[in-house]
Amino acid sequence: MDASSLISLFGQEAGTPLALNEAGTASLAFESGPVLHLEHDPQLDALHCYVVLGRAPADPARRHAVYQQMLAANAFGRDTDGAALGLDEVTGELLLSRRLELARADTAWLRATVESMAAVAADWQRRLDGSVQDAAPDLGGAPASASVLPPDFGLRV
């Protein structure tokens, strides 16, 4: 499915008009705080989903602790539900991101990814502002490693 159709159908299911702008992006704001950005990458035929969690701490000791916490969370998607935590070196922003391959995407997969990322991002924003220390995100009872799989995922032995 192409990115524009996927976003439009996703908006219809959510009951709100939604479309990519001329730059190929759309943003979704959640009551829990995060703003999730969807960005079409035509070269990869993918949709990048990301949330800016905040800025890297200025204090070197705090920055080191945050980077260590983020690296540990990335291992096996332990505290990210399969998304990745990273740093935009140009802006100094801390990001939560995930890439959706459009060839395998549908609205159910996008909805599950958006919901998961909103929950994980809200948790990480609380961690980074210091109101939560080392708590795993609430993923509705699912283990953090239970990431959303593409609809055509299969395993043959």
Protein backbone atom coordinates (compact mmCIF):
# COMPACT_ATOMS: atom_id res chain seq x y z
CA MET A 1 0.00 0.00 0.00
CA ASP A 2 1.29 3.47 -0.75
CA ALA A 3 1.97 5.90 2.10
CA SER A 4 -0.76 8.42 1.21
CA SER A 5 -3.46 5.74 1.03
CA LEU A 6 -2.31 4.13 4.26
CA ILE A 7 -2.41 7.45 6.16
CA SER A 8 -5.78 8.39 4.65
CA LEU A 9 -7.35 5.02 5.55
CA PHE A 10 -5.83 5.19 9.03
CA GLY A 11 -7.42 8.62 9.51
CA GLN A 12 -10.79 7.36 8.28
CA GLU A 13 -10.70 4.48 10.76
CA ALA A 14 -9.78 6.91 13.54
CA GLY A 15 -12.61 9.26 12.56
CA THR A 16 -10.41 12.20 11.62
CA PRO A 17 -9.15 13.38 8.23
CA LEU A 18 -5.45 12.64 7.96
CA ALA A 19 -3.07 13.16 5.06
CA LEU A 20 0.62 13.57 4.36
CA ASN A 21 1.64 17.16 3.64
CA GLU A 22 3.77 18.24 0.64
CA ALA A 23 6.92 17.18 2.50
CA GLY A 24 5.47 13.69 3.01
CA THR A 25 4.88 14.03 6.75
CA ALA A 26 1.98 14.00 9.18
CA SER A 27 1.96 14.52 12.94
CA LEU A 28 -0.35 13.03 15.56
CA ALA A 29 -0.65 14.61 19.02
CA PHE A 30 -1.73 12.43 21.95
CA GLU A 31 -3.35 13.45 25.23
CA SER A 32 -0.61 11.53 27.07
CA GLY A 33 1.91 14.05 25.73
CA PRO A 34 3.83 12.61 22.80
CA VAL A 35 3.62 13.95 19.26
CA LEU A 36 4.22 11.13 16.79
CA HIS A 37 5.54 12.04 13.37
CA LEU A 38 4.98 9.91 10.28
CA GLU A 39 7.43 10.55 7.47
CA HIS A 40 7.34 8.88 4.07
CA ASP A 41 10.71 7.75 2.69
CA PRO A 42 10.13 7.08 -1.02
CA GLN A 43 13.64 5.65 -1.59
CA LEU A 44 13.03 2.91 1.00
CA ASP A 45 9.28 2.66 0.33
CA ALA A 46 8.85 2.98 4.07
CA LEU A 47 7.12 5.08 6.66
CA HIS A 48 9.31 6.37 9.50
CA CYS A 49 7.38 6.74 12.76
CA TYR A 50 9.17 8.78 15.41
CA VAL A 51 8.70 10.81 18.56
CA VAL A 52 11.05 13.49 19.86
CA LEU A 53 11.41 12.58 23.53
CA GLY A 54 13.42 15.62 24.56
CA ARG A 55 16.95 16.94 24.38
CA ALA A 56 20.10 15.20 25.51
CA PRO A 57 21.05 16.45 29.00
CA ALA A 58 23.71 19.16 29.07
CA ASP A 59 25.36 17.73 32.20
CA PRO A 60 27.91 15.11 31.04
CA ALA A 61 27.24 12.73 33.95
CA ARG A 62 23.46 12.85 33.44
CA ARG A 63 23.90 12.53 29.66
CA HIS A 64 26.06 9.41 30.16
CA ALA A 65 23.44 7.88 32.47
CA VAL A 66 20.63 8.60 29.98
CA TYR A 67 22.61 7.13 27.07
CA GLN A 68 23.40 4.03 29.13
CA GLN A 69 19.73 3.63 30.06
CA MET A 70 18.69 4.03 26.41
CA LEU A 71 21.23 1.49 25.18
CA ALA A 72 20.09 -1.06 27.76
CA ALA A 73 16.46 -0.48 26.76
CA ASN A 74 17.30 -1.02 23.07
CA ALA A 75 18.77 -4.48 23.72
CA PHE A 76 16.20 -6.94 22.36
CA GLY A 77 13.60 -4.13 22.39
CA ARG A 78 13.37 -4.67 26.16
CA ASP A 79 11.81 -1.32 27.04
CA THR A 80 10.85 -0.06 23.59
CA ASP A 81 8.34 -2.62 22.31
CA GLY A 82 10.54 -3.11 19.26
CA ALA A 83 11.16 0.56 18.47
CA ALA A 84 14.63 2.09 18.74
CA LEU A 85 15.90 4.87 20.98
CA GLY A 86 18.45 7.16 19.41
CA LEU A 87 20.09 10.56 19.18
CA ASP A 88 19.78 13.11 16.39
CA GLU A 89 23.34 14.45 16.46
CA VAL A 90 22.41 17.60 14.55
CA THR A 91 19.65 18.77 16.92
CA GLY A 92 20.68 16.95 20.12
CA GLU A 93 17.18 15.45 20.34
CA LEU A 94 16.50 12.02 21.81
CA LEU A 95 14.22 9.98 19.54
CA LEU A 96 12.04 6.91 19.64
CA SER A 97 11.67 5.55 16.12
CA ARG A 98 10.36 2.67 14.09
CA ARG A 99 10.24 1.98 10.36
CA LEU A 100 7.25 0.41 8.61
CA GLU A 101 7.85 -1.27 5.27
CA LEU A 102 4.93 -0.10 3.13
CA ALA A 103 4.86 -3.27 1.04
CA ARG A 104 3.75 -5.17 4.16
CA ALA A 105 1.81 -2.45 5.98
CA ASP A 106 -1.91 -2.13 6.59
CA THR A 107 -4.01 0.10 8.84
CA ALA A 108 -4.19 -2.47 11.65
CA TRP A 109 -0.40 -2.70 11.75
CA LEU A 110 -0.04 1.09 11.64
CA ARG A 111 -2.63 1.51 14.43
CA ALA A 112 -0.86 -1.04 16.65
CA THR A 113 2.49 0.62 15.97
CA VAL A 114 1.16 4.12 16.70
CA GLU A 115 -0.52 2.97 19.94
CA SER A 116 2.60 1.14 21.09
CA MET A 117 4.89 4.06 20.27
CA ALA A 118 2.61 6.55 22.04
CA ALA A 119 2.68 4.43 25.22
CA VAL A 120 6.44 3.84 25.08
CA ALA A 121 7.15 7.50 24.28
CA ALA A 122 5.01 8.74 27.18
CA ASP A 123 6.92 6.40 29.49
CA TRP A 124 10.31 7.58 28.19
CA GLN A 125 9.33 11.23 28.43
CA ARG A 126 8.50 10.65 32.12
CA ARG A 127 11.81 8.84 32.62
CA LEU A 128 13.76 11.62 31.00
CA ASP A 129 12.09 14.35 33.03
CA GLY A 130 12.88 12.37 36.19
CA SER A 131 9.33 11.54 37.28
CA VAL A 132 9.84 7.77 36.68
CA GLN A 133 13.00 5.78 37.29
CA ASP A 134 13.73 2.58 35.33
CA ALA A 135 10.14 1.41 34.94
CA ALA A 136 9.07 -0.66 31.97
CA PRO A 137 6.32 0.86 29.81
CA ASP A 138 2.75 -0.36 30.25
CA LEU A 139 2.05 -2.26 27.05
CA GLY A 140 -1.34 -3.57 28.05
CA GLY A 141 0.02 -6.72 29.66
CA ALA A 142 2.14 -7.71 26.66
CA PRO A 143 5.83 -8.33 27.27
CA ALA A 144 8.09 -5.60 25.93
CA SER A 145 9.55 -8.08 23.46
CA ALA A 146 6.11 -8.80 21.96
CA SER A 147 6.43 -6.42 19.04
CA VAL A 148 3.82 -6.03 16.35
CA LEU A 149 4.61 -8.34 13.45
CA PRO A 150 3.81 -7.65 9.82
CA PRO A 151 0.65 -9.29 8.54
CA ASP A 152 2.57 -11.63 6.25
CA PHE A 153 5.02 -12.80 8.92
CA GLY A 154 5.56 -16.51 8.97
CA LEU A 155 8.07 -19.05 10.14
CA ARG A 156 8.80 -22.34 8.48
CA VAL A 157 11.04 -25.01 9.92
